[in-house]
Amino acid sequence: MDDAKIQYLLRQGDNALILSQQLSQLCGKGPALEEDMALTNVALDLLGQTRMWLTYAGELEGQGRDEDKLAYHRDAHDFRNVLLVEQPNGSYAETMVRQFLFDTWHYFLMQGLLQSSDPRIAEIAEKSFKEVTYHLRRSGDLMVRLGDGTELSHRKMQAALDDLWMYSGEVFLYDEIDNAMVEQGVAPAVEGLRASFLDHVNDILTEATLTMPSPDAWMQRGGKQGRHSEHLGYILAEMQFLQRAYPGAEW
């Protein structure tokens, strides 16, 4: 059993799962009909990606846990998502800044994983890449439209960016699991990934007339190791309720 790879797969699946759950909570609450539908579609895309990551993790683990058991029967300290995706939806500005920061990293990660030495991971990345490309194009476009929009939208976007920036760097804080994946040729190295992320974020924020916080600012960490904010418990309480209340329930 490759424990490092299993943990790496759980991280990818949990990131997609928690952000999908967050976006699904906005169904019917979008600021416009088109946006309401777009948020729901992104949530569904991420849920589909979750299924692929968690299914593979369960197979490698070999303990009989499928995608449903991994999603609904783990406690908060067993989740390996980064702290960024569990931050509250908040205002629409906060939702979009969170999405843009995640999408940018996610895009370049999937691009790197296309070359993974693990054929199954490369296949998941290939299946996800078209969706992830759309996600980044959409969130980047909205960053520009809102950042360079009205005085109010600009102010709200800048405030959201300043507040959420400290959660953007955890994905680049590689630990022994990430480093093992790099050494095995499974995952891309952090240096190129971070450089691509910062270059793209800077380009979009410049066009959006938003001020980019310092890349060297202090960053929150801990989510990848199972140390989460209080927000994750509330997310899981809602997401896991049915399976917890009625174990094994099926439609």
C-alpha atoms as a PDB file:
ATOM      1  CA  MET A   1       0.000   0.000   0.000  1.00  0.00           C
ATOM      2  CA  ASP A   2       1.378   3.403  -1.009  1.00  0.00           C
ATOM      3  CA  ASP A   3       0.253   5.523   1.938  1.00  0.00           C
ATOM      4  CA  ALA A   4       1.702   8.742   0.502  1.00  0.00           C
ATOM      5  CA  LYS A   5      -0.188   8.315  -2.749  1.00  0.00           C
ATOM      6  CA  ILE A   6      -3.428   7.516  -0.921  1.00  0.00           C
ATOM      7  CA  GLN A   7      -3.069  10.692   1.130  1.00  0.00           C
ATOM      8  CA  TYR A   8      -2.308  12.685  -2.010  1.00  0.00           C
ATOM      9  CA  LEU A   9      -5.433  11.336  -3.698  1.00  0.00           C
ATOM     10  CA  LEU A  10      -7.535  12.153  -0.639  1.00  0.00           C
ATOM     11  CA  ARG A  11      -6.234  15.724  -0.727  1.00  0.00           C
ATOM     12  CA  GLN A  12      -7.333  16.178  -4.325  1.00  0.00           C
ATOM     13  CA  GLY A  13     -10.695  14.551  -3.715  1.00  0.00           C
ATOM     14  CA  ASP A  14     -11.374  16.462  -0.509  1.00  0.00           C
ATOM     15  CA  ASN A  15     -10.504  19.812  -2.095  1.00  0.00           C
ATOM     16  CA  ALA A  16     -12.995  19.206  -4.888  1.00  0.00           C
ATOM     17  CA  LEU A  17     -15.638  17.736  -2.564  1.00  0.00           C
ATOM     18  CA  ILE A  18     -15.666  20.540   0.001  1.00  0.00           C
ATOM     19  CA  LEU A  19     -15.650  23.308  -2.596  1.00  0.00           C
ATOM     20  CA  SER A  20     -18.428  21.506  -4.475  1.00  0.00           C
ATOM     21  CA  GLN A  21     -20.494  21.371  -1.293  1.00  0.00           C
ATOM     22  CA  GLN A  22     -19.883  25.068  -0.675  1.00  0.00           C
ATOM     23  CA  LEU A  23     -20.999  26.044  -4.168  1.00  0.00           C
ATOM     24  CA  SER A  24     -24.032  23.759  -4.057  1.00  0.00           C
ATOM     25  CA  GLN A  25     -25.274  25.740  -1.066  1.00  0.00           C
ATOM     26  CA  LEU A  26     -25.601  28.747  -3.380  1.00  0.00           C
ATOM     27  CA  CYS A  27     -28.094  27.043  -5.704  1.00  0.00           C
ATOM     28  CA  GLY A  28     -30.989  29.468  -6.071  1.00  0.00           C
ATOM     29  CA  LYS A  29     -29.010  32.286  -4.457  1.00  0.00           C
ATOM     30  CA  GLY A  30     -26.890  33.537  -7.353  1.00  0.00           C
ATOM     31  CA  PRO A  31     -26.919  37.269  -8.122  1.00  0.00           C
ATOM     32  CA  ALA A  32     -28.272  36.551 -11.622  1.00  0.00           C
ATOM     33  CA  LEU A  33     -29.848  33.498 -13.272  1.00  0.00           C
ATOM     34  CA  GLU A  34     -26.808  32.833 -15.466  1.00  0.00           C
ATOM     35  CA  GLU A  35     -24.510  32.961 -12.453  1.00  0.00           C
ATOM     36  CA  ASP A  36     -26.813  30.779 -10.409  1.00  0.00           C
ATOM     37  CA  MET A  37     -26.615  28.095 -13.095  1.00  0.00           C
ATOM     38  CA  ALA A  38     -22.860  28.530 -13.519  1.00  0.00           C
ATOM     39  CA  LEU A  39     -22.159  28.084  -9.804  1.00  0.00           C
ATOM     40  CA  THR A  40     -24.217  24.897  -9.765  1.00  0.00           C
ATOM     41  CA  ASN A  41     -22.485  23.550 -12.865  1.00  0.00           C
ATOM     42  CA  VAL A  42     -19.047  24.169 -11.359  1.00  0.00           C
ATOM     43  CA  ALA A  43     -20.201  22.367  -8.210  1.00  0.00           C
ATOM     44  CA  LEU A  44     -21.271  19.377 -10.319  1.00  0.00           C
ATOM     45  CA  ASP A  45     -17.968  19.360 -12.213  1.00  0.00           C
ATOM     46  CA  LEU A  46     -16.051  19.296  -8.943  1.00  0.00           C
ATOM     47  CA  LEU A  47     -18.263  16.528  -7.585  1.00  0.00           C
ATOM     48  CA  GLY A  48     -17.504  14.410 -10.639  1.00  0.00           C
ATOM     49  CA  GLN A  49     -13.799  14.973 -10.088  1.00  0.00           C
ATOM     50  CA  THR A  50     -14.222  14.068  -6.427  1.00  0.00           C
ATOM     51  CA  ARG A  51     -15.657  10.687  -7.384  1.00  0.00           C
ATOM     52  CA  MET A  52     -12.625   9.836  -9.518  1.00  0.00           C
ATOM     53  CA  TRP A  53     -10.089  10.816  -6.860  1.00  0.00           C
ATOM     54  CA  LEU A  54     -11.845   9.120  -3.958  1.00  0.00           C
ATOM     55  CA  THR A  55     -12.616   5.966  -5.925  1.00  0.00           C
ATOM     56  CA  TYR A  56      -8.928   5.553  -6.757  1.00  0.00           C
ATOM     57  CA  ALA A  57      -7.925   6.286  -3.152  1.00  0.00           C
ATOM     58  CA  GLY A  58     -10.340   3.647  -1.905  1.00  0.00           C
ATOM     59  CA  GLU A  59      -9.041   1.068  -4.358  1.00  0.00           C
ATOM     60  CA  LEU A  60      -5.419   1.637  -3.339  1.00  0.00           C
ATOM     61  CA  GLU A  61      -6.327   1.581   0.338  1.00  0.00           C
ATOM     62  CA  GLY A  62      -8.003  -1.802  -0.048  1.00  0.00           C
ATOM     63  CA  GLN A  63     -10.144  -1.532   3.083  1.00  0.00           C
ATOM     64  CA  GLY A  64     -13.525  -1.635   1.384  1.00  0.00           C
ATOM     65  CA  ARG A  65     -14.140   2.129   1.511  1.00  0.00           C
ATOM     66  CA  ASP A  66     -15.669   3.412  -1.696  1.00  0.00           C
ATOM     67  CA  GLU A  67     -16.268   7.030  -2.695  1.00  0.00           C
ATOM     68  CA  ASP A  68     -19.410   7.261  -0.546  1.00  0.00           C
ATOM     69  CA  LYS A  69     -17.768   5.913   2.606  1.00  0.00           C
ATOM     70  CA  LEU A  70     -14.807   8.239   2.168  1.00  0.00           C
ATOM     71  CA  ALA A  71     -17.097  11.225   1.640  1.00  0.00           C
ATOM     72  CA  TYR A  72     -19.725  10.544   4.286  1.00  0.00           C
ATOM     73  CA  HIS A  73     -18.071   8.466   6.988  1.00  0.00           C
ATOM     74  CA  ARG A  74     -14.935  10.407   7.834  1.00  0.00           C
ATOM     75  CA  ASP A  75     -14.729  13.026  10.554  1.00  0.00           C
ATOM     76  CA  ALA A  76     -13.279  16.499  10.095  1.00  0.00           C
ATOM     77  CA  HIS A  77      -9.785  15.538  11.298  1.00  0.00           C
ATOM     78  CA  ASP A  78      -9.639  12.865   8.583  1.00  0.00           C
ATOM     79  CA  PHE A  79     -10.256  15.337   5.762  1.00  0.00           C
ATOM     80  CA  ARG A  80      -7.229  16.609   3.862  1.00  0.00           C
ATOM     81  CA  ASN A  81      -8.566  19.645   1.987  1.00  0.00           C
ATOM     82  CA  VAL A  82      -6.785  22.978   2.168  1.00  0.00           C
ATOM     83  CA  LEU A  83      -8.287  25.657   4.395  1.00  0.00           C
ATOM     84  CA  LEU A  84      -9.154  27.903   1.450  1.00  0.00           C
ATOM     85  CA  VAL A  85     -12.049  25.768   0.212  1.00  0.00           C
ATOM     86  CA  GLU A  86     -13.757  25.599   3.606  1.00  0.00           C
ATOM     87  CA  GLN A  87     -13.890  29.367   4.079  1.00  0.00           C
ATOM     88  CA  PRO A  88     -17.495  30.678   4.149  1.00  0.00           C
ATOM     89  CA  ASN A  89     -19.264  31.669   0.942  1.00  0.00           C
ATOM     90  CA  GLY A  90     -19.788  35.130   2.412  1.00  0.00           C
ATOM     91  CA  SER A  91     -20.567  37.835  -0.114  1.00  0.00           C
ATOM     92  CA  TYR A  92     -20.429  37.175  -3.847  1.00  0.00           C
ATOM     93  CA  ALA A  93     -17.043  38.919  -3.872  1.00  0.00           C
ATOM     94  CA  GLU A  94     -15.698  36.440  -1.320  1.00  0.00           C
ATOM     95  CA  THR A  95     -17.167  33.506  -3.236  1.00  0.00           C
ATOM     96  CA  MET A  96     -15.517  34.605  -6.483  1.00  0.00           C
ATOM     97  CA  VAL A  97     -12.115  35.447  -5.004  1.00  0.00           C
ATOM     98  CA  ARG A  98     -12.029  32.068  -3.271  1.00  0.00           C
ATOM     99  CA  GLN A  99     -12.983  30.419  -6.559  1.00  0.00           C
ATOM    100  CA  PHE A 100     -10.410  32.310  -8.603  1.00  0.00           C
ATOM    101  CA  LEU A 101      -7.531  31.521  -6.256  1.00  0.00           C
ATOM    102  CA  PHE A 102      -8.498  27.846  -6.197  1.00  0.00           C
ATOM    103  CA  ASP A 103      -9.130  27.665  -9.949  1.00  0.00           C
ATOM    104  CA  THR A 104      -5.749  29.159 -10.792  1.00  0.00           C
ATOM    105  CA  TRP A 105      -3.855  26.631  -8.693  1.00  0.00           C
ATOM    106  CA  HIS A 106      -6.147  23.811  -9.821  1.00  0.00           C
ATOM    107  CA  TYR A 107      -5.600  24.583 -13.488  1.00  0.00           C
ATOM    108  CA  PHE A 108      -1.823  24.494 -13.293  1.00  0.00           C
ATOM    109  CA  LEU A 109      -1.891  21.425 -11.054  1.00  0.00           C
ATOM    110  CA  MET A 110      -4.047  19.492 -13.534  1.00  0.00           C
ATOM    111  CA  GLN A 111      -1.782  20.662 -16.329  1.00  0.00           C
ATOM    112  CA  GLY A 112       1.179  19.196 -14.439  1.00  0.00           C
ATOM    113  CA  LEU A 113      -0.639  15.981 -13.572  1.00  0.00           C
ATOM    114  CA  LEU A 114      -1.239  15.305 -17.264  1.00  0.00           C
ATOM    115  CA  GLN A 115       2.409  14.182 -17.255  1.00  0.00           C
ATOM    116  CA  SER A 116       2.065  12.062 -14.108  1.00  0.00           C
ATOM    117  CA  SER A 117       3.973   8.795 -13.935  1.00  0.00           C
ATOM    118  CA  ASP A 118       0.783   7.223 -12.574  1.00  0.00           C
ATOM    119  CA  PRO A 119      -1.434   6.488 -15.609  1.00  0.00           C
ATOM    120  CA  ARG A 120      -4.613   6.604 -13.534  1.00  0.00           C
ATOM    121  CA  ILE A 121      -3.806  10.062 -12.163  1.00  0.00           C
ATOM    122  CA  ALA A 122      -2.890  11.311 -15.633  1.00  0.00           C
ATOM    123  CA  GLU A 123      -6.241   9.980 -16.876  1.00  0.00           C
ATOM    124  CA  ILE A 124      -8.159  11.786 -14.110  1.00  0.00           C
ATOM    125  CA  ALA A 125      -6.285  14.994 -14.908  1.00  0.00           C
ATOM    126  CA  GLU A 126      -7.099  14.642 -18.601  1.00  0.00           C
ATOM    127  CA  LYS A 127     -10.796  14.115 -17.874  1.00  0.00           C
ATOM    128  CA  SER A 128     -10.808  17.132 -15.529  1.00  0.00           C
ATOM    129  CA  PHE A 129      -8.708  19.541 -17.564  1.00  0.00           C
ATOM    130  CA  LYS A 130     -11.403  20.856 -19.901  1.00  0.00           C
ATOM    131  CA  GLU A 131     -13.690  21.570 -16.938  1.00  0.00           C
ATOM    132  CA  VAL A 132     -10.901  23.197 -14.932  1.00  0.00           C
ATOM    133  CA  THR A 133      -9.964  25.366 -17.916  1.00  0.00           C
ATOM    134  CA  TYR A 134     -13.545  26.654 -18.095  1.00  0.00           C
ATOM    135  CA  HIS A 135     -13.614  27.271 -14.341  1.00  0.00           C
ATOM    136  CA  LEU A 136     -10.487  29.429 -14.507  1.00  0.00           C
ATOM    137  CA  ARG A 137     -11.657  31.359 -17.561  1.00  0.00           C
ATOM    138  CA  ARG A 138     -14.984  32.108 -15.899  1.00  0.00           C
ATOM    139  CA  SER A 139     -13.650  33.142 -12.479  1.00  0.00           C
ATOM    140  CA  GLY A 140     -10.871  35.219 -14.047  1.00  0.00           C
ATOM    141  CA  ASP A 141     -13.399  37.028 -16.239  1.00  0.00           C
ATOM    142  CA  LEU A 142     -15.554  37.833 -13.219  1.00  0.00           C
ATOM    143  CA  MET A 143     -12.538  39.059 -11.258  1.00  0.00           C
ATOM    144  CA  VAL A 144     -11.914  41.582 -14.030  1.00  0.00           C
ATOM    145  CA  ARG A 145     -15.562  42.572 -14.479  1.00  0.00           C
ATOM    146  CA  LEU A 146     -16.111  43.144 -10.769  1.00  0.00           C
ATOM    147  CA  GLY A 147     -12.683  44.503  -9.899  1.00  0.00           C
ATOM    148  CA  ASP A 148     -12.812  47.015 -12.734  1.00  0.00           C
ATOM    149  CA  GLY A 149     -16.544  47.607 -12.315  1.00  0.00           C
ATOM    150  CA  THR A 150     -18.243  50.036  -9.993  1.00  0.00           C
ATOM    151  CA  GLU A 151     -16.586  51.676  -7.012  1.00  0.00           C
ATOM    152  CA  LEU A 152     -18.571  49.373  -4.724  1.00  0.00           C
ATOM    153  CA  SER A 153     -17.713  46.150  -6.571  1.00  0.00           C
ATOM    154  CA  HIS A 154     -14.030  47.156  -6.708  1.00  0.00           C
ATOM    155  CA  ARG A 155     -13.943  47.844  -2.973  1.00  0.00           C
ATOM    156  CA  LYS A 156     -15.633  44.542  -2.120  1.00  0.00           C
ATOM    157  CA  MET A 157     -13.335  42.534  -4.395  1.00  0.00           C
ATOM    158  CA  GLN A 158     -10.219  44.121  -2.944  1.00  0.00           C
ATOM    159  CA  ALA A 159     -11.406  43.486   0.608  1.00  0.00           C
ATOM    160  CA  ALA A 160     -12.186  39.840  -0.210  1.00  0.00           C
ATOM    161  CA  LEU A 161      -8.786  39.405  -1.853  1.00  0.00           C
ATOM    162  CA  ASP A 162      -6.985  40.885   1.128  1.00  0.00           C
ATOM    163  CA  ASP A 163      -8.910  38.651   3.540  1.00  0.00           C
ATOM    164  CA  LEU A 164      -8.517  35.386   1.614  1.00  0.00           C
ATOM    165  CA  TRP A 165      -4.960  35.794   0.384  1.00  0.00           C
ATOM    166  CA  MET A 166      -3.502  34.183   3.512  1.00  0.00           C
ATOM    167  CA  TYR A 167      -5.245  30.938   2.541  1.00  0.00           C
ATOM    168  CA  SER A 168      -3.872  30.890  -1.013  1.00  0.00           C
ATOM    169  CA  GLY A 169      -0.378  29.660  -0.201  1.00  0.00           C
ATOM    170  CA  GLU A 170      -1.098  26.414   1.652  1.00  0.00           C
ATOM    171  CA  VAL A 171      -1.183  24.498  -1.636  1.00  0.00           C
ATOM    172  CA  PHE A 172       2.495  25.410  -2.137  1.00  0.00           C
ATOM    173  CA  LEU A 173       3.642  24.380   1.351  1.00  0.00           C
ATOM    174  CA  TYR A 174       4.878  20.948   0.340  1.00  0.00           C
ATOM    175  CA  ASP A 175       5.333  18.316   3.036  1.00  0.00           C
ATOM    176  CA  GLU A 176       6.711  14.769   2.973  1.00  0.00           C
ATOM    177  CA  ILE A 177       3.649  13.499   1.075  1.00  0.00           C
ATOM    178  CA  ASP A 178       3.904  16.127  -1.654  1.00  0.00           C
ATOM    179  CA  ASN A 179       7.661  15.654  -1.905  1.00  0.00           C
ATOM    180  CA  ALA A 180       7.276  11.880  -2.202  1.00  0.00           C
ATOM    181  CA  MET A 181       4.866  12.377  -5.092  1.00  0.00           C
ATOM    182  CA  VAL A 182       7.319  14.722  -6.817  1.00  0.00           C
ATOM    183  CA  GLU A 183      10.169  12.240  -6.364  1.00  0.00           C
ATOM    184  CA  GLN A 184       8.048   9.471  -7.891  1.00  0.00           C
ATOM    185  CA  GLY A 185       7.120  11.672 -10.852  1.00  0.00           C
ATOM    186  CA  VAL A 186       3.471  11.586  -9.819  1.00  0.00           C
ATOM    187  CA  ALA A 187       3.042  15.319  -9.144  1.00  0.00           C
ATOM    188  CA  PRO A 188       4.671  18.528 -10.436  1.00  0.00           C
ATOM    189  CA  ALA A 189       7.344  20.336  -8.456  1.00  0.00           C
ATOM    190  CA  VAL A 190       6.252  23.275  -6.351  1.00  0.00           C
ATOM    191  CA  GLU A 191       8.573  25.894  -7.868  1.00  0.00           C
ATOM    192  CA  GLY A 192       7.098  25.855 -11.363  1.00  0.00           C
ATOM    193  CA  LEU A 193       3.561  25.485 -10.062  1.00  0.00           C
ATOM    194  CA  ARG A 194       3.852  28.496  -7.755  1.00  0.00           C
ATOM    195  CA  ALA A 195       5.516  30.644 -10.420  1.00  0.00           C
ATOM    196  CA  SER A 196       2.735  29.912 -12.918  1.00  0.00           C
ATOM    197  CA  PHE A 197       0.109  30.634 -10.255  1.00  0.00           C
ATOM    198  CA  LEU A 198       1.610  33.994  -9.288  1.00  0.00           C
ATOM    199  CA  ASP A 199       2.116  35.075 -12.898  1.00  0.00           C
ATOM    200  CA  HIS A 200      -1.487  34.366 -13.838  1.00  0.00           C
ATOM    201  CA  VAL A 201      -2.930  35.895 -10.677  1.00  0.00           C
ATOM    202  CA  ASN A 202      -0.847  39.022 -11.217  1.00  0.00           C
ATOM    203  CA  ASP A 203      -1.996  39.338 -14.850  1.00  0.00           C
ATOM    204  CA  ILE A 204      -5.681  39.026 -13.940  1.00  0.00           C
ATOM    205  CA  LEU A 205      -5.478  41.340 -10.940  1.00  0.00           C
ATOM    206  CA  THR A 206      -3.665  43.966 -12.992  1.00  0.00           C
ATOM    207  CA  GLU A 207      -6.446  43.877 -15.582  1.00  0.00           C
ATOM    208  CA  ALA A 208      -8.994  44.000 -12.763  1.00  0.00           C
ATOM    209  CA  THR A 209      -7.285  47.087 -11.265  1.00  0.00           C
ATOM    210  CA  LEU A 210      -6.882  45.175  -7.995  1.00  0.00           C
ATOM    211  CA  THR A 211      -3.771  45.264  -5.838  1.00  0.00           C
ATOM    212  CA  MET A 212      -2.085  41.914  -5.424  1.00  0.00           C
ATOM    213  CA  PRO A 213      -1.007  41.189  -1.831  1.00  0.00           C
ATOM    214  CA  SER A 214       2.596  40.194  -1.223  1.00  0.00           C
ATOM    215  CA  PRO A 215       3.486  36.696  -2.476  1.00  0.00           C
ATOM    216  CA  ASP A 216       5.737  36.410   0.577  1.00  0.00           C
ATOM    217  CA  ALA A 217       2.956  37.155   3.072  1.00  0.00           C
ATOM    218  CA  TRP A 218       2.399  34.710   5.938  1.00  0.00           C
ATOM    219  CA  MET A 219       0.114  31.848   4.956  1.00  0.00           C
ATOM    220  CA  GLN A 220      -2.300  29.699   6.922  1.00  0.00           C
ATOM    221  CA  ARG A 221      -1.585  25.979   6.944  1.00  0.00           C
ATOM    222  CA  GLY A 222      -2.773  22.726   8.461  1.00  0.00           C
ATOM    223  CA  GLY A 223      -5.699  21.603   6.326  1.00  0.00           C
ATOM    224  CA  LYS A 224      -3.628  19.112   4.337  1.00  0.00           C
ATOM    225  CA  GLN A 225      -2.626  17.480   7.618  1.00  0.00           C
ATOM    226  CA  GLY A 226      -6.160  17.400   9.032  1.00  0.00           C
ATOM    227  CA  ARG A 227      -6.095  20.594  11.132  1.00  0.00           C
ATOM    228  CA  HIS A 228      -9.126  22.589  10.063  1.00  0.00           C
ATOM    229  CA  SER A 229     -11.065  25.726  10.859  1.00  0.00           C
ATOM    230  CA  GLU A 230     -14.391  25.547  12.661  1.00  0.00           C
ATOM    231  CA  HIS A 231     -16.138  25.958   9.308  1.00  0.00           C
ATOM    232  CA  LEU A 232     -15.468  22.417   8.131  1.00  0.00           C
ATOM    233  CA  GLY A 233     -17.497  20.866  10.941  1.00  0.00           C
ATOM    234  CA  TYR A 234     -20.602  22.777   9.875  1.00  0.00           C
ATOM    235  CA  ILE A 235     -20.066  21.844   6.223  1.00  0.00           C
ATOM    236  CA  LEU A 236     -19.750  18.149   7.077  1.00  0.00           C
ATOM    237  CA  ALA A 237     -22.731  18.235   9.446  1.00  0.00           C
ATOM    238  CA  GLU A 238     -24.950  19.271   6.549  1.00  0.00           C
ATOM    239  CA  MET A 239     -23.275  17.154   3.880  1.00  0.00           C
ATOM    240  CA  GLN A 240     -23.099  13.926   5.897  1.00  0.00           C
ATOM    241  CA  PHE A 241     -26.409  14.134   7.776  1.00  0.00           C
ATOM    242  CA  LEU A 242     -28.401  11.614   5.755  1.00  0.00           C
ATOM    243  CA  GLN A 243     -25.737   8.906   5.768  1.00  0.00           C
ATOM    244  CA  ARG A 244     -25.010   9.459   9.442  1.00  0.00           C
ATOM    245  CA  ALA A 245     -28.680   9.364  10.419  1.00  0.00           C
ATOM    246  CA  TYR A 246     -29.558   6.439   8.135  1.00  0.00           C
ATOM    247  CA  PRO A 247     -26.402   4.389   7.536  1.00  0.00           C
ATOM    248  CA  GLY A 248     -26.461   2.562   4.223  1.00  0.00           C
ATOM    249  CA  ALA A 249     -29.543   4.404   2.985  1.00  0.00           C
ATOM    250  CA  GLU A 250     -30.060   4.238  -0.772  1.00  0.00           C
ATOM    251  CA  TRP A 251     -32.391   6.037  -3.157  1.00  0.00           C
END
